[in-house]
Amino acid sequence: MPGSLVVVNPFASRVRDRQVRVVLMTQIHAALTARDGVEPRIVETAAAEDTRPLVEAALAEGVTAVVGVGGDGTMRDIAAVLADTNVPLGVIPGGTGNQVAAVLGVPLKPEAAIAALAGARIRTIDLGEVRVSPADGPATTSVFIIGCGAGLDARLMATTPGELKRRIGKSAYAVQAARMAPDIKAVPCRIEVDGEVIETETSIVLVGNMGQLMPGVIDLRLPIDPADGLFDMIAVGARGPVQGIVGLADQLLRTKLGGGSGATSIRRRGRVISITPEQPEPLQVDGDYVGEGSLSARILPGALRVLVPDTSADTPRP
């Protein structure tokens, strides 16, 4: 009987060093062999087009779980194949942001996350499906775990230097955000939430399935629930850093949904959400820049099973 498949992204920031990977793979091999009673298959790949056939083949063979070692992009690539199957995703955080691990309560240190696999239990969460319509090419459809959006966050993802991320980790985004702050602007945008149209000026619009302001450190007072069958839409309009700080503070501290057309800070929930800026804006999906244009997302309720530490479980281990 097949055991678990382990998919390792060797270019993820925290496992880029080969010696580090060798040590972690030895630990993962031991943990999953003890858990499953059979040795796992461990493969390295950084390309989404290679990940899909690997996971599809493992599913056909009857694999018991697929464990990703890498950043949030690696988890998304695996989740896209595992959607609506009974095979769970295990998360070993090896990237820069590691939002998926933080939200699910998986330890952010890879060694601790590996140790947690032995007693891991299954939780069911939602996924999102997004159709991205770039200004300069054909529309594409993909699955996401964390969220998608338009504006400042996508521009931040697109412009933060890779070398800076490798050198100082997630702090690189804060450094780049400070550089961009004087040039914050708001643009006219049409947002539709379950058929309700909201027209306002935005600097950033997010469609969230899960996420924290600072993974493992600061969360929103009105948290985003990854298992409620709804997206959380967050929109902030700001002209300059002062208005940006005010909008950020409002979103961080608010405890209720609210805001409509013309508002500078909006928090709503819905199953289908579209974002159409008056002019093409930078777009991101799970933190990856995907061009400029518009997008539309729909929720996939309960589409993914994930392995979490037993203190956060909602169902027993099979």
Foldseek 3Di string as FASTA:
>chain_A
DAEEEEEEACPALQNVDPVSVVVLVVLLQVLRCLQGVDGYHYDYDNDLVVLQVVLVVCVVVPYQEYEYEHAQVRVQSNLQNQFQHPHAYQYQYRHQQRFVCLFQVQDPHRSSNSVLLNFWFKDFFKKKKKWDPFPPDHIDIGIAQWWKKFADLLVLLVPQDPVLCSVPGPCSSVVSCVVCQQAQAWFWKWKAFPRDIFTETFRMKIWTLAGAPRRPPARALQGRHRAPLKTKIWTAGDNGNVSVVVQVVCRRDDNDADDGHHDRIGIDMHFKMWMFTPDWTFMDGSSHTDHTGIMMMGMGHRGHMYIHRPVSDDDGHD
